[in-house]
C-alpha atoms as a PDB file:
ATOM      1  CA  UNK A   1       0.169  -0.155   0.110  1.00  0.00           C
ATOM      2  CA  UNK A   2       1.827   3.129  -1.085  1.00  0.00           C
ATOM      3  CA  UNK A   3       0.814   6.409   0.930  1.00  0.00           C
ATOM      4  CA  UNK A   4      -0.706   8.881  -1.374  1.00  0.00           C
ATOM      5  CA  UNK A   5      -4.028  10.716  -2.294  1.00  0.00           C
ATOM      6  CA  UNK A   6      -4.420   7.740  -5.023  1.00  0.00           C
ATOM      7  CA  UNK A   7      -5.076   5.340  -2.023  1.00  0.00           C
ATOM      8  CA  UNK A   8      -8.785   5.452  -2.452  1.00  0.00           C
ATOM      9  CA  UNK A   9      -8.914   4.648  -6.119  1.00  0.00           C
ATOM     10  CA  UNK A  10      -6.572   1.979  -5.916  1.00  0.00           C
ATOM     11  CA  UNK A  11      -8.853   0.497  -2.928  1.00  0.00           C
ATOM     12  CA  UNK A  12     -11.913   0.659  -5.138  1.00  0.00           C
ATOM     13  CA  UNK A  13     -10.016  -0.805  -7.857  1.00  0.00           C
ATOM     14  CA  UNK A  14      -8.331  -3.890  -6.180  1.00  0.00           C
ATOM     15  CA  UNK A  15      -9.730  -3.768  -2.656  1.00  0.00           C
ATOM     16  CA  UNK A  16      -8.164  -7.456  -2.218  1.00  0.00           C
ATOM     17  CA  UNK A  17      -4.664  -5.699  -2.258  1.00  0.00           C
ATOM     18  CA  UNK A  18      -5.441  -2.994   0.076  1.00  0.00           C
ATOM     19  CA  UNK A  19      -6.963  -5.419   2.857  1.00  0.00           C
ATOM     20  CA  UNK A  20      -4.162  -8.181   2.546  1.00  0.00           C
ATOM     21  CA  UNK A  21      -1.822  -4.994   3.111  1.00  0.00           C
ATOM     22  CA  UNK A  22      -3.826  -4.121   6.482  1.00  0.00           C
ATOM     23  CA  UNK A  23      -3.570  -8.073   7.460  1.00  0.00           C
ATOM     24  CA  UNK A  24       0.161  -8.057   7.044  1.00  0.00           C
ATOM     25  CA  UNK A  25       0.207  -4.345   8.800  1.00  0.00           C
ATOM     26  CA  UNK A  26       2.037  -3.028   5.729  1.00  0.00           C
ATOM     27  CA  UNK A  27       2.422   0.530   5.641  1.00  0.00           C
ATOM     28  CA  UNK A  28      -0.138   0.829   8.017  1.00  0.00           C
ATOM     29  CA  UNK A  29       0.431   4.262   9.165  1.00  0.00           C
ATOM     30  CA  UNK A  30       0.982   6.114   6.107  1.00  0.00           C
ATOM     31  CA  UNK A  31      -2.492   4.374   4.503  1.00  0.00           C
ATOM     32  CA  UNK A  32      -4.136   5.644   7.733  1.00  0.00           C
ATOM     33  CA  UNK A  33      -3.065   9.107   7.221  1.00  0.00           C
ATOM     34  CA  UNK A  34      -3.983   9.465   3.585  1.00  0.00           C
ATOM     35  CA  UNK A  35      -7.420   8.021   4.195  1.00  0.00           C
ATOM     36  CA  UNK A  36      -7.901  10.533   6.669  1.00  0.00           C
ATOM     37  CA  UNK A  37      -6.532  13.446   4.182  1.00  0.00           C
ATOM     38  CA  UNK A  38      -8.561  11.870   1.192  1.00  0.00           C
ATOM     39  CA  UNK A  39     -12.018  11.552   3.276  1.00  0.00           C
ATOM     40  CA  UNK A  40     -11.690  15.295   4.995  1.00  0.00           C
ATOM     41  CA  UNK A  41     -10.843  16.810   1.366  1.00  0.00           C
ATOM     42  CA  UNK A  42     -13.927  14.545  -0.183  1.00  0.00           C
ATOM     43  CA  UNK A  43     -16.237  15.165   2.725  1.00  0.00           C
ATOM     44  CA  UNK A  44     -15.473  19.151   2.955  1.00  0.00           C
ATOM     45  CA  UNK A  45     -15.947  19.524  -0.995  1.00  0.00           C
ATOM     46  CA  UNK A  46     -19.305  17.901  -0.864  1.00  0.00           C
ATOM     47  CA  UNK A  47     -20.561  19.396   2.538  1.00  0.00           C
ATOM     48  CA  UNK A  48     -19.452  22.777   0.811  1.00  0.00           C
ATOM     49  CA  UNK A  49     -21.282  22.513  -2.469  1.00  0.00           C
ATOM     50  CA  UNK A  50     -24.467  21.015  -0.244  1.00  0.00           C
ATOM     51  CA  UNK A  51     -24.327  24.172   1.975  1.00  0.00           C
ATOM     52  CA  UNK A  52     -24.439  26.577  -0.917  1.00  0.00           C
ATOM     53  CA  UNK A  53     -28.238  25.932  -1.176  1.00  0.00           C
ATOM     54  CA  UNK A  54     -28.618  28.255   1.430  1.00  0.00           C
ATOM     55  CA  UNK A  55     -25.307  30.746   1.606  1.00  0.00           C
ATOM     56  CA  UNK A  56     -21.555  30.919   1.790  1.00  0.00           C
ATOM     57  CA  UNK A  57     -21.578  30.815   5.385  1.00  0.00           C
ATOM     58  CA  UNK A  58     -23.692  27.723   5.483  1.00  0.00           C
ATOM     59  CA  UNK A  59     -21.532  26.170   2.554  1.00  0.00           C
ATOM     60  CA  UNK A  60     -18.285  26.836   4.930  1.00  0.00           C
ATOM     61  CA  UNK A  61     -20.144  25.518   7.743  1.00  0.00           C
ATOM     62  CA  UNK A  62     -21.052  22.103   6.323  1.00  0.00           C
ATOM     63  CA  UNK A  63     -17.308  21.841   5.106  1.00  0.00           C
ATOM     64  CA  UNK A  64     -16.494  21.496   8.247  1.00  0.00           C
ATOM     65  CA  UNK A  65     -19.160  19.283   9.896  1.00  0.00           C
ATOM     66  CA  UNK A  66     -19.309  17.125   7.107  1.00  0.00           C
ATOM     67  CA  UNK A  67     -15.876  15.269   7.933  1.00  0.00           C
ATOM     68  CA  UNK A  68     -16.712  15.652  11.602  1.00  0.00           C
ATOM     69  CA  UNK A  69     -19.780  13.458  11.402  1.00  0.00           C
ATOM     70  CA  UNK A  70     -18.729  10.835   8.767  1.00  0.00           C
ATOM     71  CA  UNK A  71     -15.055  10.415  10.557  1.00  0.00           C
ATOM     72  CA  UNK A  72     -16.216  10.952  14.028  1.00  0.00           C
ATOM     73  CA  UNK A  73     -18.906   8.493  13.873  1.00  0.00           C
ATOM     74  CA  UNK A  74     -16.626   5.703  12.936  1.00  0.00           C
ATOM     75  CA  UNK A  75     -14.155   7.010  15.590  1.00  0.00           C
ATOM     76  CA  UNK A  76     -16.623   6.749  18.204  1.00  0.00           C
ATOM     77  CA  UNK A  77     -17.471   3.551  17.274  1.00  0.00           C
ATOM     78  CA  UNK A  78     -14.035   1.902  16.742  1.00  0.00           C
ATOM     79  CA  UNK A  79     -13.596   0.896  20.446  1.00  0.00           C
ATOM     80  CA  UNK A  80     -16.925  -1.022  20.337  1.00  0.00           C
ATOM     81  CA  UNK A  81     -15.869  -3.184  17.230  1.00  0.00           C
ATOM     82  CA  UNK A  82     -12.237  -3.814  18.569  1.00  0.00           C
ATOM     83  CA  UNK A  83     -13.022  -4.956  22.215  1.00  0.00           C
ATOM     84  CA  UNK A  84     -15.865  -7.269  20.751  1.00  0.00           C
ATOM     85  CA  UNK A  85     -13.256  -8.567  18.385  1.00  0.00           C
ATOM     86  CA  UNK A  86     -10.559  -8.797  21.198  1.00  0.00           C
ATOM     87  CA  UNK A  87     -12.937 -11.070  23.060  1.00  0.00           C
ATOM     88  CA  UNK A  88     -13.526 -13.464  20.352  1.00  0.00           C
ATOM     89  CA  UNK A  89      -9.445 -13.916  20.043  1.00  0.00           C
ATOM     90  CA  UNK A  90      -8.840 -11.394  17.113  1.00  0.00           C
ATOM     91  CA  UNK A  91      -5.067 -11.387  15.719  1.00  0.00           C
ATOM     92  CA  UNK A  92      -5.443  -7.731  15.027  1.00  0.00           C
ATOM     93  CA  UNK A  93      -4.593  -4.771  16.530  1.00  0.00           C
ATOM     94  CA  UNK A  94      -6.271  -1.449  16.810  1.00  0.00           C
ATOM     95  CA  UNK A  95      -4.650   0.270  14.296  1.00  0.00           C
ATOM     96  CA  UNK A  96      -5.509  -2.424  11.621  1.00  0.00           C
ATOM     97  CA  UNK A  97      -9.246  -2.516  12.699  1.00  0.00           C
ATOM     98  CA  UNK A  98      -9.176   1.348  12.258  1.00  0.00           C
ATOM     99  CA  UNK A  99      -7.574   0.771   8.672  1.00  0.00           C
ATOM    100  CA  UNK A 100     -10.569  -1.172   7.932  1.00  0.00           C
ATOM    101  CA  UNK A 101     -13.213   1.330   9.200  1.00  0.00           C
ATOM    102  CA  UNK A 102     -11.424   3.987   7.700  1.00  0.00           C
ATOM    103  CA  UNK A 103     -11.744   2.418   4.503  1.00  0.00           C
ATOM    104  CA  UNK A 104     -15.371   2.124   4.609  1.00  0.00           C
ATOM    105  CA  UNK A 105     -15.496   5.827   5.517  1.00  0.00           C
ATOM    106  CA  UNK A 106     -13.242   6.635   2.548  1.00  0.00           C
ATOM    107  CA  UNK A 107     -14.994   4.810  -0.044  1.00  0.00           C
ATOM    108  CA  UNK A 108     -18.431   6.726   1.283  1.00  0.00           C
ATOM    109  CA  UNK A 109     -16.390   9.873   0.767  1.00  0.00           C
ATOM    110  CA  UNK A 110     -15.391   9.164  -2.727  1.00  0.00           C
ATOM    111  CA  UNK A 111     -18.672   8.257  -3.604  1.00  0.00           C
ATOM    112  CA  UNK A 112     -20.200  11.640  -2.396  1.00  0.00           C
ATOM    113  CA  UNK A 113     -17.455  13.414  -4.524  1.00  0.00           C
ATOM    114  CA  UNK A 114     -18.690  11.548  -7.223  1.00  0.00           C
ATOM    115  CA  UNK A 115     -22.264  13.317  -6.441  1.00  0.00           C
ATOM    116  CA  UNK A 116     -21.261  16.592  -5.933  1.00  0.00           C
ATOM    117  CA  UNK A 117     -21.476  17.863  -9.891  1.00  0.00           C
ATOM    118  CA  UNK A 118     -25.151  16.512  -9.384  1.00  0.00           C
ATOM    119  CA  UNK A 119     -25.797  18.226  -6.070  1.00  0.00           C
ATOM    120  CA  UNK A 120     -24.319  21.585  -7.768  1.00  0.00           C
ATOM    121  CA  UNK A 121     -26.221  21.266 -10.522  1.00  0.00           C
ATOM    122  CA  UNK A 122     -29.514  21.154  -8.506  1.00  0.00           C
ATOM    123  CA  UNK A 123     -28.239  24.289  -6.353  1.00  0.00           C
ATOM    124  CA  UNK A 124     -28.050  26.446  -9.195  1.00  0.00           C
ATOM    125  CA  UNK A 125     -31.020  25.561 -10.738  1.00  0.00           C
ATOM    126  CA  UNK A 126     -33.741  24.598  -8.044  1.00  0.00           C
ATOM    127  CA  UNK A 127     -34.897  26.315  -5.073  1.00  0.00           C
ATOM    128  CA  UNK A 128     -37.123  23.738  -3.677  1.00  0.00           C
ATOM    129  CA  UNK A 129     -35.812  22.998   0.001  1.00  0.00           C
ATOM    130  CA  UNK A 130     -37.932  19.947   0.506  1.00  0.00           C
ATOM    131  CA  UNK A 131     -36.594  18.351  -2.921  1.00  0.00           C
ATOM    132  CA  UNK A 132     -33.271  19.239  -2.018  1.00  0.00           C
ATOM    133  CA  UNK A 133     -33.450  17.757   1.256  1.00  0.00           C
ATOM    134  CA  UNK A 134     -34.756  14.385  -0.281  1.00  0.00           C
ATOM    135  CA  UNK A 135     -31.724  14.112  -2.760  1.00  0.00           C
ATOM    136  CA  UNK A 136     -29.501  14.820  -0.052  1.00  0.00           C
ATOM    137  CA  UNK A 137     -30.462  12.297   2.286  1.00  0.00           C
ATOM    138  CA  UNK A 138     -30.535   9.777  -1.080  1.00  0.00           C
ATOM    139  CA  UNK A 139     -27.185  10.684  -1.922  1.00  0.00           C
ATOM    140  CA  UNK A 140     -25.672  10.223   1.888  1.00  0.00           C
ATOM    141  CA  UNK A 141     -27.491   6.836   1.913  1.00  0.00           C
ATOM    142  CA  UNK A 142     -26.486   5.347  -1.514  1.00  0.00           C
ATOM    143  CA  UNK A 143     -22.657   6.251  -0.333  1.00  0.00           C
ATOM    144  CA  UNK A 144     -23.404   5.173   3.155  1.00  0.00           C
ATOM    145  CA  UNK A 145     -24.177   1.805   1.465  1.00  0.00           C
ATOM    146  CA  UNK A 146     -21.127   1.468  -0.623  1.00  0.00           C
ATOM    147  CA  UNK A 147     -18.965   2.456   2.374  1.00  0.00           C
ATOM    148  CA  UNK A 148     -20.584  -0.385   4.162  1.00  0.00           C
ATOM    149  CA  UNK A 149     -20.196  -3.075   1.541  1.00  0.00           C
ATOM    150  CA  UNK A 150     -16.398  -2.390   1.296  1.00  0.00           C
ATOM    151  CA  UNK A 151     -16.302  -2.348   5.365  1.00  0.00           C
ATOM    152  CA  UNK A 152     -18.000  -5.592   5.506  1.00  0.00           C
ATOM    153  CA  UNK A 153     -15.266  -7.073   2.548  1.00  0.00           C
ATOM    154  CA  UNK A 154     -12.708  -5.635   4.594  1.00  0.00           C
ATOM    155  CA  UNK A 155     -13.635  -7.469   7.769  1.00  0.00           C
ATOM    156  CA  UNK A 156     -14.060 -10.625   6.099  1.00  0.00           C
ATOM    157  CA  UNK A 157     -10.832 -10.506   4.386  1.00  0.00           C
ATOM    158  CA  UNK A 158      -8.517  -9.657   7.415  1.00  0.00           C
ATOM    159  CA  UNK A 159     -10.399 -12.167   9.354  1.00  0.00           C
ATOM    160  CA  UNK A 160     -11.418  -9.608  12.288  1.00  0.00           C
ATOM    161  CA  UNK A 161     -12.918 -12.160  14.909  1.00  0.00           C
ATOM    162  CA  UNK A 162      -9.780 -14.582  14.168  1.00  0.00           C
ATOM    163  CA  UNK A 163     -11.843 -17.501  12.821  1.00  0.00           C
ATOM    164  CA  UNK A 164     -13.035 -18.569  16.341  1.00  0.00           C
ATOM    165  CA  UNK A 165     -16.684 -18.011  15.778  1.00  0.00           C
ATOM    166  CA  UNK A 166     -18.716 -19.009  12.839  1.00  0.00           C
ATOM    167  CA  UNK A 167     -19.176 -17.359   9.964  1.00  0.00           C
ATOM    168  CA  UNK A 168     -23.189 -16.582  10.835  1.00  0.00           C
ATOM    169  CA  UNK A 169     -22.113 -15.284  14.322  1.00  0.00           C
ATOM    170  CA  UNK A 170     -19.495 -12.957  12.652  1.00  0.00           C
ATOM    171  CA  UNK A 171     -22.512 -11.389  10.385  1.00  0.00           C
ATOM    172  CA  UNK A 172     -24.608 -11.048  13.226  1.00  0.00           C
ATOM    173  CA  UNK A 173     -22.055  -9.102  15.136  1.00  0.00           C
ATOM    174  CA  UNK A 174     -20.977  -7.026  12.338  1.00  0.00           C
ATOM    175  CA  UNK A 175     -24.650  -6.535  11.703  1.00  0.00           C
ATOM    176  CA  UNK A 176     -24.725  -5.055  15.211  1.00  0.00           C
ATOM    177  CA  UNK A 177     -22.055  -2.998  15.058  1.00  0.00           C
ATOM    178  CA  UNK A 178     -23.269  -1.155  11.746  1.00  0.00           C
ATOM    179  CA  UNK A 179     -26.782  -0.683  13.385  1.00  0.00           C
ATOM    180  CA  UNK A 180     -24.692   0.910  16.380  1.00  0.00           C
ATOM    181  CA  UNK A 181     -22.607   3.164  13.849  1.00  0.00           C
ATOM    182  CA  UNK A 182     -25.958   4.383  12.454  1.00  0.00           C
ATOM    183  CA  UNK A 183     -27.475   4.834  15.646  1.00  0.00           C
ATOM    184  CA  UNK A 184     -24.545   7.322  16.807  1.00  0.00           C
ATOM    185  CA  UNK A 185     -24.250   8.838  13.218  1.00  0.00           C
ATOM    186  CA  UNK A 186     -27.824   9.734  13.290  1.00  0.00           C
ATOM    187  CA  UNK A 187     -27.881  11.180  16.591  1.00  0.00           C
ATOM    188  CA  UNK A 188     -24.393  13.081  15.491  1.00  0.00           C
ATOM    189  CA  UNK A 189     -26.086  14.577  12.408  1.00  0.00           C
ATOM    190  CA  UNK A 190     -29.085  15.761  14.349  1.00  0.00           C
ATOM    191  CA  UNK A 191     -26.986  17.725  16.785  1.00  0.00           C
ATOM    192  CA  UNK A 192     -24.555  19.357  13.881  1.00  0.00           C
ATOM    193  CA  UNK A 193     -27.661  20.208  11.926  1.00  0.00           C
ATOM    194  CA  UNK A 194     -28.223  22.095   9.695  1.00  0.00           C
ATOM    195  CA  UNK A 195     -25.996  20.967   7.048  1.00  0.00           C
ATOM    196  CA  UNK A 196     -28.400  22.484   4.137  1.00  0.00           C
ATOM    197  CA  UNK A 197     -30.414  24.977   5.845  1.00  0.00           C
ATOM    198  CA  UNK A 198     -34.067  26.488   5.018  1.00  0.00           C
ATOM    199  CA  UNK A 199     -33.023  29.518   2.592  1.00  0.00           C
ATOM    200  CA  UNK A 200     -35.919  31.232   4.529  1.00  0.00           C
ATOM    201  CA  UNK A 201     -34.213  31.105   7.772  1.00  0.00           C
ATOM    202  CA  UNK A 202     -31.050  33.185   9.239  1.00  0.00           C
ATOM    203  CA  UNK A 203     -27.548  31.135   9.155  1.00  0.00           C
ATOM    204  CA  UNK A 204     -26.778  29.345  11.981  1.00  0.00           C
ATOM    205  CA  UNK A 205     -23.680  27.092  12.820  1.00  0.00           C
ATOM    206  CA  UNK A 206     -25.773  24.477  14.961  1.00  0.00           C
ATOM    207  CA  UNK A 207     -29.490  24.607  16.011  1.00  0.00           C
ATOM    208  CA  UNK A 208     -30.198  25.176  19.444  1.00  0.00           C
ATOM    209  CA  UNK A 209     -30.255  22.048  21.709  1.00  0.00           C
ATOM    210  CA  UNK A 210     -32.834  19.809  20.722  1.00  0.00           C
ATOM    211  CA  UNK A 211     -32.426  16.926  23.168  1.00  0.00           C
ATOM    212  CA  UNK A 212     -32.258  13.507  21.780  1.00  0.00           C
ATOM    213  CA  UNK A 213     -33.202  12.523  18.065  1.00  0.00           C
ATOM    214  CA  UNK A 214     -35.049   9.296  18.948  1.00  0.00           C
ATOM    215  CA  UNK A 215     -36.998  11.191  22.242  1.00  0.00           C
ATOM    216  CA  UNK A 216     -38.077  13.501  19.490  1.00  0.00           C
ATOM    217  CA  UNK A 217     -39.437  10.804  17.582  1.00  0.00           C
ATOM    218  CA  UNK A 218     -41.159   9.196  20.162  1.00  0.00           C
ATOM    219  CA  UNK A 219     -42.495  12.399  20.925  1.00  0.00           C
ATOM    220  CA  UNK A 220     -43.670  12.880  17.500  1.00  0.00           C
ATOM    221  CA  UNK A 221     -45.255   9.647  17.529  1.00  0.00           C
ATOM    222  CA  UNK A 222     -46.902  10.275  20.848  1.00  0.00           C
ATOM    223  CA  UNK A 223     -48.585  13.490  19.300  1.00  0.00           C
ATOM    224  CA  UNK A 224     -49.528  11.317  16.212  1.00  0.00           C
ATOM    225  CA  UNK A 225     -51.557   9.097  18.380  1.00  0.00           C
ATOM    226  CA  UNK A 226     -52.859  11.452  20.563  1.00  0.00           C
ATOM    227  CA  UNK A 227     -51.365   9.947  23.567  1.00  0.00           C
ATOM    228  CA  UNK A 228     -50.678  12.217  26.824  1.00  0.00           C
ATOM    229  CA  UNK A 229     -48.330  11.414  29.496  1.00  0.00           C
ATOM    230  CA  UNK A 230     -44.709  11.709  30.762  1.00  0.00           C
ATOM    231  CA  UNK A 231     -43.599   8.230  29.694  1.00  0.00           C
ATOM    232  CA  UNK A 232     -40.690   9.885  27.179  1.00  0.00           C
ATOM    233  CA  UNK A 233     -40.079  12.924  29.274  1.00  0.00           C
ATOM    234  CA  UNK A 234     -37.083  10.978  30.977  1.00  0.00           C
ATOM    235  CA  UNK A 235     -34.001  12.868  32.280  1.00  0.00           C
ATOM    236  CA  UNK A 236     -30.910  13.326  30.339  1.00  0.00           C
ATOM    237  CA  UNK A 237     -29.106  10.654  32.740  1.00  0.00           C
ATOM    238  CA  UNK A 238     -31.747   8.134  31.543  1.00  0.00           C
ATOM    239  CA  UNK A 239     -31.250   9.063  27.755  1.00  0.00           C
ATOM    240  CA  UNK A 240     -27.473   8.682  28.081  1.00  0.00           C
ATOM    241  CA  UNK A 241     -28.133   5.396  29.527  1.00  0.00           C
ATOM    242  CA  UNK A 242     -30.748   4.310  26.944  1.00  0.00           C
ATOM    243  CA  UNK A 243     -28.168   5.344  24.251  1.00  0.00           C
ATOM    244  CA  UNK A 244     -25.603   2.645  25.596  1.00  0.00           C
ATOM    245  CA  UNK A 245     -27.641   0.190  25.503  1.00  0.00           C
ATOM    246  CA  UNK A 246     -26.388  -1.037  21.979  1.00  0.00           C
ATOM    247  CA  UNK A 247     -23.128  -0.951  23.131  1.00  0.00           C
ATOM    248  CA  UNK A 248     -23.417  -2.947  26.073  1.00  0.00           C
ATOM    249  CA  UNK A 249     -25.628  -5.378  24.028  1.00  0.00           C
ATOM    250  CA  UNK A 250     -22.346  -5.445  21.545  1.00  0.00           C
ATOM    251  CA  UNK A 251     -19.825  -6.139  24.045  1.00  0.00           C
ATOM    252  CA  UNK A 252     -21.832  -8.693  26.543  1.00  0.00           C
ATOM    253  CA  UNK A 253     -23.570 -10.690  23.506  1.00  0.00           C
ATOM    254  CA  UNK A 254     -19.749 -11.101  22.000  1.00  0.00           C
ATOM    255  CA  UNK A 255     -18.368 -12.424  25.527  1.00  0.00           C
ATOM    256  CA  UNK A 256     -21.228 -14.818  25.753  1.00  0.00           C
ATOM    257  CA  UNK A 257     -20.812 -16.104  22.037  1.00  0.00           C
ATOM    258  CA  UNK A 258     -17.076 -16.362  22.484  1.00  0.00           C
ATOM    259  CA  UNK A 259     -18.011 -18.329  25.616  1.00  0.00           C
ATOM    260  CA  UNK A 260     -20.283 -20.695  23.932  1.00  0.00           C
ATOM    261  CA  UNK A 261     -18.069 -21.284  20.905  1.00  0.00           C
ATOM    262  CA  UNK A 262     -14.914 -22.213  23.358  1.00  0.00           C
ATOM    263  CA  UNK A 263     -17.175 -24.601  25.668  1.00  0.00           C
END
């Protein structure tokens, strides 16, 4: 694995060579650094063009927040993946697992960069805020799926779980971790918003505190169904504890599975 901005295109063309290099710890530090650089560049360009739908200030704001969102969510969830793999005897170091996770994020970032001209065209020709929101959500979702595919392939290639658990169990663990990644990423996006910004409203870097995305969704369901009560009016400590449930399930579940496999 050579360290340069061409690392991600080479990853896309020949993922097996990249993940084999990760498995062998070949030029690992250089690869991680260049993945981070290329991801930040791609995500910042996409965020800048996306924010132009509102104003130049929103463009600069989104250029800063997009790398924080995508890379930050992956790094926040990295310890959960590492310790769950460690419990089942992975031979990999944290840096190797980080290289796999960053590879998925880099593929997502490059995919978003490829869609940036399309976003720019609609920025210049359309004033429909609702349509533009849907376009952004669709582009991020498609790019995220591409990143998850490469991440999943990388996990299988480097044998993340050390071959001590069955393939079906490995898929289950990865599915739980990806759900955790999506859980954390969606909450981060909620707190860092707006990314696009309604052109009819003034620019703000981040919206005032709106609590927790999932609690707000529950409140919306409550209002829709005409329910009244304090079932979701939980204190912040309870909310924070609820957000840790997927992490606890991942770690404890992995330990139980590992014990069952060795029994």
